[in-house]
Amino acid sequence: MKFVAQGSGLAEEAISTIRTAQAFGVQNILSELYDKSIEFSRVADSKASIYQGGGVGLIFFVVFILYALAFEFGTTLINDGHGQFQSSVSRLHD
């Protein structure tokens, strides 16, 4: 956020003093300063997105592992006869 704020402040200042920047020929210097602050923010955002993606991936991993454990345990209970599952085929023969 710091780099984005610096870049936007620099851009706002350059736009508000466009006549002065044009008169002294400092457009290239201002654009290089802006590009540097944007590059810093891009690098920081890339690092943050890697960590956020890893966190979301970890959360999904845990959720799907818990689903797998629940289905495996439910299947074990049904196969051992502890579940209250009655298939539609056995209901037809009753």
C-alpha atoms as a PDB file:
ATOM      1  CA  MET A   1       0.000   0.000   0.000  1.00  0.00           C
ATOM      2  CA  LYS A   2       2.873   2.333   0.768  1.00  0.00           C
ATOM      3  CA  PHE A   3       4.281   2.077  -2.754  1.00  0.00           C
ATOM      4  CA  VAL A   4       0.868   2.517  -4.365  1.00  0.00           C
ATOM      5  CA  ALA A   5       0.245   5.593  -2.228  1.00  0.00           C
ATOM      6  CA  GLN A   6       3.617   7.041  -3.211  1.00  0.00           C
ATOM      7  CA  GLY A   7       3.009   6.343  -6.881  1.00  0.00           C
ATOM      8  CA  SER A   8      -0.473   7.814  -6.842  1.00  0.00           C
ATOM      9  CA  GLY A   9       0.767  10.888  -4.965  1.00  0.00           C
ATOM     10  CA  LEU A  10       3.502  11.361  -7.541  1.00  0.00           C
ATOM     11  CA  ALA A  11       1.052  10.933 -10.418  1.00  0.00           C
ATOM     12  CA  GLU A  12      -1.390  13.379  -8.848  1.00  0.00           C
ATOM     13  CA  GLU A  13       1.364  15.928  -8.354  1.00  0.00           C
ATOM     14  CA  ALA A  14       2.627  15.509 -11.914  1.00  0.00           C
ATOM     15  CA  ILE A  15      -0.847  15.907 -13.382  1.00  0.00           C
ATOM     16  CA  SER A  16      -1.676  18.935 -11.257  1.00  0.00           C
ATOM     17  CA  THR A  17       1.582  20.644 -12.293  1.00  0.00           C
ATOM     18  CA  ILE A  18       1.592  19.468 -15.897  1.00  0.00           C
ATOM     19  CA  ARG A  19       2.453  22.903 -17.241  1.00  0.00           C
ATOM     20  CA  THR A  20       5.466  23.203 -14.941  1.00  0.00           C
ATOM     21  CA  ALA A  21       6.645  19.684 -15.785  1.00  0.00           C
ATOM     22  CA  GLN A  22       6.319  20.447 -19.485  1.00  0.00           C
ATOM     23  CA  ALA A  23       8.129  23.799 -19.125  1.00  0.00           C
ATOM     24  CA  PHE A  24      11.128  22.268 -17.357  1.00  0.00           C
ATOM     25  CA  GLY A  25      11.120  19.036 -19.392  1.00  0.00           C
ATOM     26  CA  VAL A  26      10.956  16.680 -16.398  1.00  0.00           C
ATOM     27  CA  GLN A  27       8.289  14.335 -17.788  1.00  0.00           C
ATOM     28  CA  ASN A  28      10.779  11.489 -18.225  1.00  0.00           C
ATOM     29  CA  ILE A  29      12.115  11.875 -14.684  1.00  0.00           C
ATOM     30  CA  LEU A  30       8.599  11.863 -13.223  1.00  0.00           C
ATOM     31  CA  SER A  31       7.595   8.856 -15.298  1.00  0.00           C
ATOM     32  CA  GLU A  32      10.705   6.937 -14.164  1.00  0.00           C
ATOM     33  CA  LEU A  33       9.902   7.707 -10.519  1.00  0.00           C
ATOM     34  CA  TYR A  34       6.340   6.531 -11.066  1.00  0.00           C
ATOM     35  CA  ASP A  35       7.524   3.372 -12.826  1.00  0.00           C
ATOM     36  CA  LYS A  36       9.850   2.554  -9.903  1.00  0.00           C
ATOM     37  CA  SER A  37       7.092   2.886  -7.327  1.00  0.00           C
ATOM     38  CA  ILE A  38       4.751   0.777  -9.472  1.00  0.00           C
ATOM     39  CA  GLU A  39       7.455  -1.892  -9.867  1.00  0.00           C
ATOM     40  CA  PHE A  40       7.911  -2.053  -6.092  1.00  0.00           C
ATOM     41  CA  SER A  41       4.176  -2.472  -5.604  1.00  0.00           C
ATOM     42  CA  ARG A  42       4.043  -5.163  -8.311  1.00  0.00           C
ATOM     43  CA  VAL A  43       6.765  -7.173  -6.571  1.00  0.00           C
ATOM     44  CA  ALA A  44       5.062  -6.798  -3.185  1.00  0.00           C
ATOM     45  CA  ASP A  45       1.701  -7.824  -4.667  1.00  0.00           C
ATOM     46  CA  SER A  46       3.272 -10.854  -6.357  1.00  0.00           C
ATOM     47  CA  LYS A  47       4.712 -12.058  -3.057  1.00  0.00           C
ATOM     48  CA  ALA A  48       1.412 -11.472  -1.281  1.00  0.00           C
ATOM     49  CA  SER A  49      -0.521 -13.351  -3.956  1.00  0.00           C
ATOM     50  CA  ILE A  50       1.780 -16.367  -3.580  1.00  0.00           C
ATOM     51  CA  TYR A  51       1.131 -16.503   0.160  1.00  0.00           C
ATOM     52  CA  GLN A  52      -2.605 -15.969  -0.258  1.00  0.00           C
ATOM     53  CA  GLY A  53      -2.801 -18.664  -2.928  1.00  0.00           C
ATOM     54  CA  GLY A  54      -0.925 -21.069  -0.694  1.00  0.00           C
ATOM     55  CA  GLY A  55      -3.278 -20.304   2.181  1.00  0.00           C
ATOM     56  CA  VAL A  56      -6.387 -20.874   0.094  1.00  0.00           C
ATOM     57  CA  GLY A  57      -4.864 -24.057  -1.312  1.00  0.00           C
ATOM     58  CA  LEU A  58      -4.163 -25.308   2.203  1.00  0.00           C
ATOM     59  CA  ILE A  59      -7.736 -24.576   3.283  1.00  0.00           C
ATOM     60  CA  PHE A  60      -9.159 -26.487   0.292  1.00  0.00           C
ATOM     61  CA  PHE A  61      -6.739 -29.355   0.960  1.00  0.00           C
ATOM     62  CA  VAL A  62      -7.952 -29.665   4.554  1.00  0.00           C
ATOM     63  CA  VAL A  63     -11.623 -29.466   3.526  1.00  0.00           C
ATOM     64  CA  PHE A  64     -11.282 -32.166   0.877  1.00  0.00           C
ATOM     65  CA  ILE A  65      -9.218 -34.400   3.179  1.00  0.00           C
ATOM     66  CA  LEU A  66     -11.996 -34.132   5.762  1.00  0.00           C
ATOM     67  CA  TYR A  67     -14.573 -35.040   3.100  1.00  0.00           C
ATOM     68  CA  ALA A  68     -12.488 -38.066   2.130  1.00  0.00           C
ATOM     69  CA  LEU A  69     -12.191 -39.174   5.757  1.00  0.00           C
ATOM     70  CA  ALA A  70     -15.933 -38.772   6.303  1.00  0.00           C
ATOM     71  CA  PHE A  71     -16.820 -40.831   3.232  1.00  0.00           C
ATOM     72  CA  GLU A  72     -14.253 -43.485   4.119  1.00  0.00           C
ATOM     73  CA  PHE A  73     -15.547 -43.767   7.678  1.00  0.00           C
ATOM     74  CA  GLY A  74     -19.166 -43.838   6.502  1.00  0.00           C
ATOM     75  CA  THR A  75     -18.370 -46.583   4.019  1.00  0.00           C
ATOM     76  CA  THR A  76     -16.628 -48.569   6.762  1.00  0.00           C
ATOM     77  CA  LEU A  77     -19.663 -48.262   9.033  1.00  0.00           C
ATOM     78  CA  ILE A  78     -22.023 -49.366   6.272  1.00  0.00           C
ATOM     79  CA  ASN A  79     -19.842 -52.330   5.303  1.00  0.00           C
ATOM     80  CA  ASP A  80     -19.608 -53.425   8.955  1.00  0.00           C
ATOM     81  CA  GLY A  81     -23.389 -53.262   9.307  1.00  0.00           C
ATOM     82  CA  HIS A  82     -23.430 -50.348  11.746  1.00  0.00           C
ATOM     83  CA  GLY A  83     -25.011 -47.872   9.360  1.00  0.00           C
ATOM     84  CA  GLN A  84     -28.716 -47.514   8.792  1.00  0.00           C
ATOM     85  CA  PHE A  85     -28.393 -47.734   5.052  1.00  0.00           C
ATOM     86  CA  GLN A  86     -30.813 -49.864   3.136  1.00  0.00           C
ATOM     87  CA  SER A  87     -30.326 -50.023  -0.580  1.00  0.00           C
ATOM     88  CA  SER A  88     -33.240 -49.586  -2.947  1.00  0.00           C
ATOM     89  CA  VAL A  89     -32.672 -53.121  -4.280  1.00  0.00           C
ATOM     90  CA  SER A  90     -33.189 -54.715  -0.855  1.00  0.00           C
ATOM     91  CA  ARG A  91     -36.334 -52.589  -0.293  1.00  0.00           C
ATOM     92  CA  LEU A  92     -37.835 -53.983  -3.483  1.00  0.00           C
ATOM     93  CA  HIS A  93     -37.318 -57.570  -2.303  1.00  0.00           C
ATOM     94  CA  ASP A  94     -38.908 -56.983   1.121  1.00  0.00           C
END
